[in-house]
């Protein structure tokens, strides 16, 4: 696992829906589906759920229940094939910088 950073530029060029579709249709890279099955879509195996995990899940649920501005952290809930966000900052030049885990959930 490594922490990766990306920067979004609010002054970047905007594309129309048709321009986006044309870029996708003309792409040479193969678009593939993630091969993993989400845990929710498969049966639970022996010892997969432990007391420590249950306690951690309860603590996380309590924190997640706080209001967005009271929570003090950015909640990230990626679906299978997406990436966990670690932090978000606004850079000195006004761009949005996000750091995320480079391994998908």
N, C-alpha and C. Protein backbone atom coordinates (compact mmCIF):
# COMPACT_ATOMS: atom_id res chain seq x y z
N UNK A 1 0.84 -1.18 0.00
CA UNK A 1 0.00 0.00 0.00
C UNK A 1 0.88 1.23 0.00
N UNK A 2 0.50 2.22 -0.76
CA UNK A 2 1.20 3.50 -0.78
C UNK A 2 0.16 4.62 -0.81
N UNK A 3 0.52 5.77 -0.27
CA UNK A 3 -0.36 6.93 -0.33
C UNK A 3 -0.02 7.69 -1.60
N UNK A 4 -1.04 7.99 -2.40
CA UNK A 4 -0.88 8.65 -3.68
C UNK A 4 -1.59 9.99 -3.59
N UNK A 5 -1.13 10.98 -4.32
CA UNK A 5 -1.75 12.30 -4.30
C UNK A 5 -2.23 12.66 -5.69
N UNK A 6 -3.36 13.37 -5.75
CA UNK A 6 -3.86 13.90 -7.02
C UNK A 6 -4.26 15.34 -6.78
N UNK A 7 -4.26 16.14 -7.83
CA UNK A 7 -4.63 17.54 -7.72
C UNK A 7 -5.68 17.84 -8.78
N UNK A 8 -6.77 18.47 -8.34
CA UNK A 8 -7.82 18.90 -9.27
C UNK A 8 -7.67 20.40 -9.49
N UNK A 9 -7.74 20.82 -10.73
CA UNK A 9 -7.59 22.23 -11.08
C UNK A 9 -8.96 22.80 -11.42
N UNK A 10 -9.50 23.72 -10.58
CA UNK A 10 -10.82 24.27 -10.87
C UNK A 10 -10.86 25.11 -12.15
N UNK A 11 -9.69 25.48 -12.67
CA UNK A 11 -9.62 26.27 -13.90
C UNK A 11 -9.37 25.41 -15.14
N UNK A 12 -9.44 24.10 -14.98
CA UNK A 12 -9.21 23.20 -16.11
C UNK A 12 -10.33 23.33 -17.13
N UNK A 13 -10.03 22.95 -18.36
CA UNK A 13 -11.03 23.03 -19.43
C UNK A 13 -12.18 22.08 -19.15
N UNK A 14 -13.38 22.53 -19.44
CA UNK A 14 -14.57 21.69 -19.26
C UNK A 14 -14.92 21.04 -20.60
N UNK A 15 -15.40 19.81 -20.53
CA UNK A 15 -15.81 19.09 -21.73
C UNK A 15 -17.33 18.93 -21.74
N UNK A 16 -17.92 18.93 -22.93
CA UNK A 16 -19.34 18.63 -23.06
C UNK A 16 -19.53 17.12 -22.94
N UNK A 17 -20.75 16.68 -22.72
CA UNK A 17 -21.02 15.23 -22.66
C UNK A 17 -20.56 14.54 -23.94
N UNK A 18 -20.84 15.14 -25.09
CA UNK A 18 -20.45 14.54 -26.37
C UNK A 18 -18.93 14.43 -26.50
N UNK A 19 -18.20 15.45 -26.03
CA UNK A 19 -16.74 15.40 -26.09
C UNK A 19 -16.20 14.27 -25.21
N UNK A 20 -16.81 14.08 -24.05
CA UNK A 20 -16.38 13.00 -23.15
C UNK A 20 -16.63 11.65 -23.80
N UNK A 21 -17.82 11.46 -24.36
CA UNK A 21 -18.15 10.20 -25.03
C UNK A 21 -17.19 9.94 -26.18
N UNK A 22 -16.89 10.96 -26.97
CA UNK A 22 -15.96 10.80 -28.09
C UNK A 22 -14.56 10.41 -27.62
N UNK A 23 -14.10 11.01 -26.50
CA UNK A 23 -12.78 10.67 -25.96
C UNK A 23 -12.77 9.21 -25.51
N UNK A 24 -13.83 8.77 -24.85
CA UNK A 24 -13.90 7.38 -24.39
C UNK A 24 -13.94 6.43 -25.57
N UNK A 25 -14.77 6.74 -26.55
CA UNK A 25 -14.90 5.86 -27.72
C UNK A 25 -13.62 5.77 -28.54
N UNK A 26 -12.80 6.81 -28.51
CA UNK A 26 -11.57 6.78 -29.30
C UNK A 26 -10.36 6.29 -28.49
N UNK A 27 -10.56 5.98 -27.21
CA UNK A 27 -9.46 5.51 -26.37
C UNK A 27 -8.95 4.16 -26.85
N UNK A 28 -7.64 3.95 -26.75
CA UNK A 28 -7.06 2.68 -27.16
C UNK A 28 -6.90 1.72 -25.99
N UNK A 29 -6.92 2.24 -24.76
CA UNK A 29 -6.77 1.37 -23.58
C UNK A 29 -8.05 0.57 -23.37
N UNK A 30 -7.88 -0.71 -23.06
CA UNK A 30 -9.01 -1.59 -22.80
C UNK A 30 -9.62 -1.26 -21.44
N UNK A 31 -10.92 -1.10 -21.38
CA UNK A 31 -11.62 -0.87 -20.11
C UNK A 31 -12.12 -2.22 -19.63
N UNK A 32 -11.68 -2.62 -18.42
CA UNK A 32 -12.06 -3.93 -17.89
C UNK A 32 -12.80 -3.78 -16.58
N UNK A 33 -13.53 -4.80 -16.21
CA UNK A 33 -14.28 -4.83 -14.96
C UNK A 33 -13.39 -5.43 -13.88
N UNK A 34 -13.53 -4.91 -12.66
CA UNK A 34 -12.75 -5.46 -11.55
C UNK A 34 -13.11 -6.92 -11.35
N UNK A 35 -12.11 -7.76 -11.11
CA UNK A 35 -12.35 -9.20 -10.97
C UNK A 35 -12.78 -9.62 -9.58
N UNK A 36 -12.68 -8.72 -8.60
CA UNK A 36 -13.00 -9.10 -7.23
C UNK A 36 -14.49 -9.03 -6.96
N UNK A 37 -14.95 -9.86 -6.05
CA UNK A 37 -16.35 -9.84 -5.61
C UNK A 37 -16.39 -9.18 -4.25
N UNK A 38 -17.27 -8.21 -4.06
CA UNK A 38 -17.39 -7.53 -2.78
C UNK A 38 -17.81 -8.52 -1.70
N UNK A 39 -17.31 -8.30 -0.49
CA UNK A 39 -17.62 -9.20 0.62
C UNK A 39 -19.12 -9.33 0.84
N UNK A 40 -19.87 -8.26 0.61
CA UNK A 40 -21.32 -8.30 0.82
C UNK A 40 -22.01 -9.25 -0.14
N UNK A 41 -21.35 -9.60 -1.24
CA UNK A 41 -21.96 -10.46 -2.25
C UNK A 41 -21.58 -11.92 -2.10
N UNK A 42 -20.85 -12.24 -1.03
CA UNK A 42 -20.44 -13.64 -0.84
C UNK A 42 -20.71 -14.05 0.60
N UNK A 43 -20.76 -15.35 0.87
CA UNK A 43 -20.99 -15.81 2.25
C UNK A 43 -19.80 -15.48 3.15
N UNK A 44 -20.06 -15.33 4.43
CA UNK A 44 -19.00 -15.09 5.41
C UNK A 44 -18.33 -16.43 5.71
N UNK A 45 -17.00 -16.42 5.71
CA UNK A 45 -16.25 -17.65 6.00
C UNK A 45 -15.95 -17.74 7.49
N UNK A 46 -15.58 -18.92 7.98
CA UNK A 46 -15.25 -19.12 9.39
C UNK A 46 -14.17 -18.13 9.83
N UNK A 47 -14.36 -17.53 11.00
CA UNK A 47 -13.42 -16.61 11.64
C UNK A 47 -13.23 -15.30 10.88
N UNK A 48 -14.08 -15.01 9.90
CA UNK A 48 -13.93 -13.74 9.17
C UNK A 48 -14.35 -12.56 10.04
N UNK A 49 -15.36 -12.75 10.88
CA UNK A 49 -15.82 -11.69 11.77
C UNK A 49 -15.28 -12.00 13.16
N UNK A 50 -14.50 -11.08 13.71
CA UNK A 50 -13.91 -11.28 15.03
C UNK A 50 -14.44 -10.23 16.00
N UNK A 51 -14.25 -10.46 17.29
CA UNK A 51 -14.68 -9.50 18.31
C UNK A 51 -14.00 -8.15 18.11
N UNK A 52 -12.71 -8.16 17.76
CA UNK A 52 -11.98 -6.90 17.54
C UNK A 52 -12.58 -6.13 16.37
N UNK A 53 -12.94 -6.83 15.30
CA UNK A 53 -13.55 -6.16 14.15
C UNK A 53 -14.91 -5.59 14.52
N UNK A 54 -15.69 -6.35 15.30
CA UNK A 54 -17.01 -5.86 15.71
C UNK A 54 -16.88 -4.61 16.57
N UNK A 55 -15.90 -4.57 17.48
CA UNK A 55 -15.69 -3.39 18.32
C UNK A 55 -15.25 -2.20 17.48
N UNK A 56 -14.35 -2.42 16.52
CA UNK A 56 -13.89 -1.34 15.65
C UNK A 56 -15.04 -0.82 14.79
N UNK A 57 -15.89 -1.72 14.30
CA UNK A 57 -17.03 -1.30 13.50
C UNK A 57 -18.00 -0.46 14.31
N UNK A 58 -18.21 -0.80 15.60
CA UNK A 58 -19.11 -0.03 16.46
C UNK A 58 -18.55 1.36 16.70
N UNK A 59 -17.23 1.45 16.95
CA UNK A 59 -16.61 2.75 17.17
C UNK A 59 -16.70 3.60 15.92
N UNK A 60 -16.45 3.01 14.76
CA UNK A 60 -16.54 3.74 13.50
C UNK A 60 -17.97 4.22 13.26
N UNK A 61 -18.94 3.37 13.56
CA UNK A 61 -20.35 3.75 13.36
C UNK A 61 -20.70 4.94 14.24
N UNK A 62 -20.20 4.97 15.48
CA UNK A 62 -20.47 6.10 16.37
C UNK A 62 -19.87 7.39 15.82
N UNK A 63 -18.64 7.32 15.32
CA UNK A 63 -18.01 8.51 14.74
C UNK A 63 -18.72 8.94 13.46
N UNK A 64 -19.08 7.98 12.62
CA UNK A 64 -19.76 8.30 11.36
C UNK A 64 -21.12 8.93 11.60
N UNK A 65 -21.72 8.67 12.75
CA UNK A 65 -23.04 9.21 13.06
C UNK A 65 -22.99 10.70 13.41
N UNK A 66 -21.80 11.21 13.71
CA UNK A 66 -21.67 12.64 14.03
C UNK A 66 -21.96 13.48 12.79
N UNK A 67 -22.40 14.72 13.01
CA UNK A 67 -22.64 15.64 11.90
C UNK A 67 -21.33 15.89 11.15
N UNK A 68 -21.41 16.16 9.85
CA UNK A 68 -20.21 16.34 9.02
C UNK A 68 -19.23 17.35 9.62
N UNK A 69 -19.74 18.48 10.12
CA UNK A 69 -18.85 19.52 10.64
C UNK A 69 -18.35 19.22 12.04
N UNK A 70 -18.99 18.30 12.76
CA UNK A 70 -18.55 17.94 14.10
C UNK A 70 -17.59 16.76 14.08
N UNK A 71 -17.60 16.01 13.02
CA UNK A 71 -16.84 14.77 12.94
C UNK A 71 -15.33 15.01 12.98
N UNK A 72 -14.84 16.05 12.32
CA UNK A 72 -13.42 16.36 12.37
C UNK A 72 -12.57 15.56 11.42
N UNK A 73 -13.15 14.75 10.59
CA UNK A 73 -12.42 14.01 9.58
C UNK A 73 -13.32 13.82 8.37
N UNK A 74 -12.72 13.46 7.25
CA UNK A 74 -13.49 13.21 6.04
C UNK A 74 -13.84 11.74 6.00
N UNK A 75 -15.12 11.45 5.95
CA UNK A 75 -15.59 10.07 5.90
C UNK A 75 -15.45 9.57 4.46
N UNK A 76 -14.87 8.41 4.28
CA UNK A 76 -14.71 7.83 2.96
C UNK A 76 -15.31 6.44 2.96
N UNK A 77 -16.16 6.17 2.02
CA UNK A 77 -16.85 4.88 1.94
C UNK A 77 -16.80 4.34 0.52
N UNK A 78 -15.62 3.97 0.04
CA UNK A 78 -15.50 3.51 -1.34
C UNK A 78 -16.17 2.15 -1.55
N UNK A 79 -16.73 1.98 -2.71
CA UNK A 79 -17.31 0.69 -3.11
C UNK A 79 -16.19 -0.16 -3.70
N UNK A 80 -16.50 -1.41 -3.96
CA UNK A 80 -15.50 -2.32 -4.54
C UNK A 80 -14.92 -1.71 -5.81
N UNK A 81 -13.59 -1.73 -5.91
CA UNK A 81 -12.91 -1.19 -7.08
C UNK A 81 -12.56 0.27 -6.95
N UNK A 82 -13.04 0.94 -5.88
CA UNK A 82 -12.71 2.34 -5.65
C UNK A 82 -11.59 2.44 -4.61
N UNK A 83 -11.13 3.65 -4.33
CA UNK A 83 -9.97 3.86 -3.48
C UNK A 83 -10.33 4.68 -2.24
N UNK A 84 -9.73 4.34 -1.09
CA UNK A 84 -9.97 5.10 0.15
C UNK A 84 -9.22 6.41 0.09
N UNK A 85 -9.92 7.51 0.39
CA UNK A 85 -9.30 8.83 0.46
C UNK A 85 -8.69 9.00 1.84
N UNK A 86 -7.44 9.48 1.90
CA UNK A 86 -6.74 9.65 3.16
C UNK A 86 -6.86 11.09 3.65
N UNK A 87 -6.71 12.05 2.74
CA UNK A 87 -6.82 13.46 3.13
C UNK A 87 -7.14 14.32 1.92
N UNK A 88 -7.68 15.51 2.20
CA UNK A 88 -7.98 16.47 1.14
C UNK A 88 -7.51 17.83 1.64
N UNK A 89 -6.77 18.54 0.79
CA UNK A 89 -6.29 19.88 1.13
C UNK A 89 -6.48 20.80 -0.06
N UNK A 90 -6.52 22.09 0.21
CA UNK A 90 -6.52 23.09 -0.85
C UNK A 90 -5.11 23.66 -0.90
N UNK A 91 -4.46 23.56 -2.06
CA UNK A 91 -3.07 24.01 -2.18
C UNK A 91 -3.00 25.53 -2.22
N UNK A 92 -1.79 26.07 -2.07
CA UNK A 92 -1.61 27.53 -2.05
C UNK A 92 -1.99 28.19 -3.37
N UNK A 93 -1.99 27.42 -4.47
CA UNK A 93 -2.39 27.99 -5.76
C UNK A 93 -3.88 27.76 -6.06
N UNK A 94 -4.65 27.32 -5.05
CA UNK A 94 -6.10 27.20 -5.19
C UNK A 94 -6.61 25.89 -5.74
N UNK A 95 -5.74 24.92 -5.96
CA UNK A 95 -6.17 23.63 -6.49
C UNK A 95 -6.49 22.67 -5.35
N UNK A 96 -7.35 21.71 -5.63
CA UNK A 96 -7.72 20.70 -4.65
C UNK A 96 -6.77 19.52 -4.76
N UNK A 97 -6.15 19.16 -3.66
CA UNK A 97 -5.23 18.03 -3.62
C UNK A 97 -5.85 16.94 -2.76
N UNK A 98 -5.91 15.74 -3.27
CA UNK A 98 -6.44 14.60 -2.50
C UNK A 98 -5.41 13.51 -2.46
N UNK A 99 -5.21 12.94 -1.30
CA UNK A 99 -4.32 11.77 -1.15
C UNK A 99 -5.20 10.56 -0.94
N UNK A 100 -4.84 9.45 -1.58
CA UNK A 100 -5.65 8.24 -1.50
C UNK A 100 -4.76 7.01 -1.56
N UNK A 101 -5.28 5.90 -1.03
CA UNK A 101 -4.57 4.62 -1.06
C UNK A 101 -4.55 4.14 -2.51
N UNK A 102 -3.41 3.64 -2.97
CA UNK A 102 -3.31 3.21 -4.37
C UNK A 102 -3.80 1.79 -4.59
N UNK A 103 -4.36 1.16 -3.56
CA UNK A 103 -4.92 -0.19 -3.68
C UNK A 103 -6.43 -0.08 -3.54
N UNK A 104 -7.18 -0.54 -4.52
CA UNK A 104 -8.63 -0.45 -4.48
C UNK A 104 -9.21 -1.37 -3.42
N UNK A 105 -10.38 -1.00 -2.94
CA UNK A 105 -11.09 -1.81 -1.95
C UNK A 105 -11.62 -3.05 -2.60
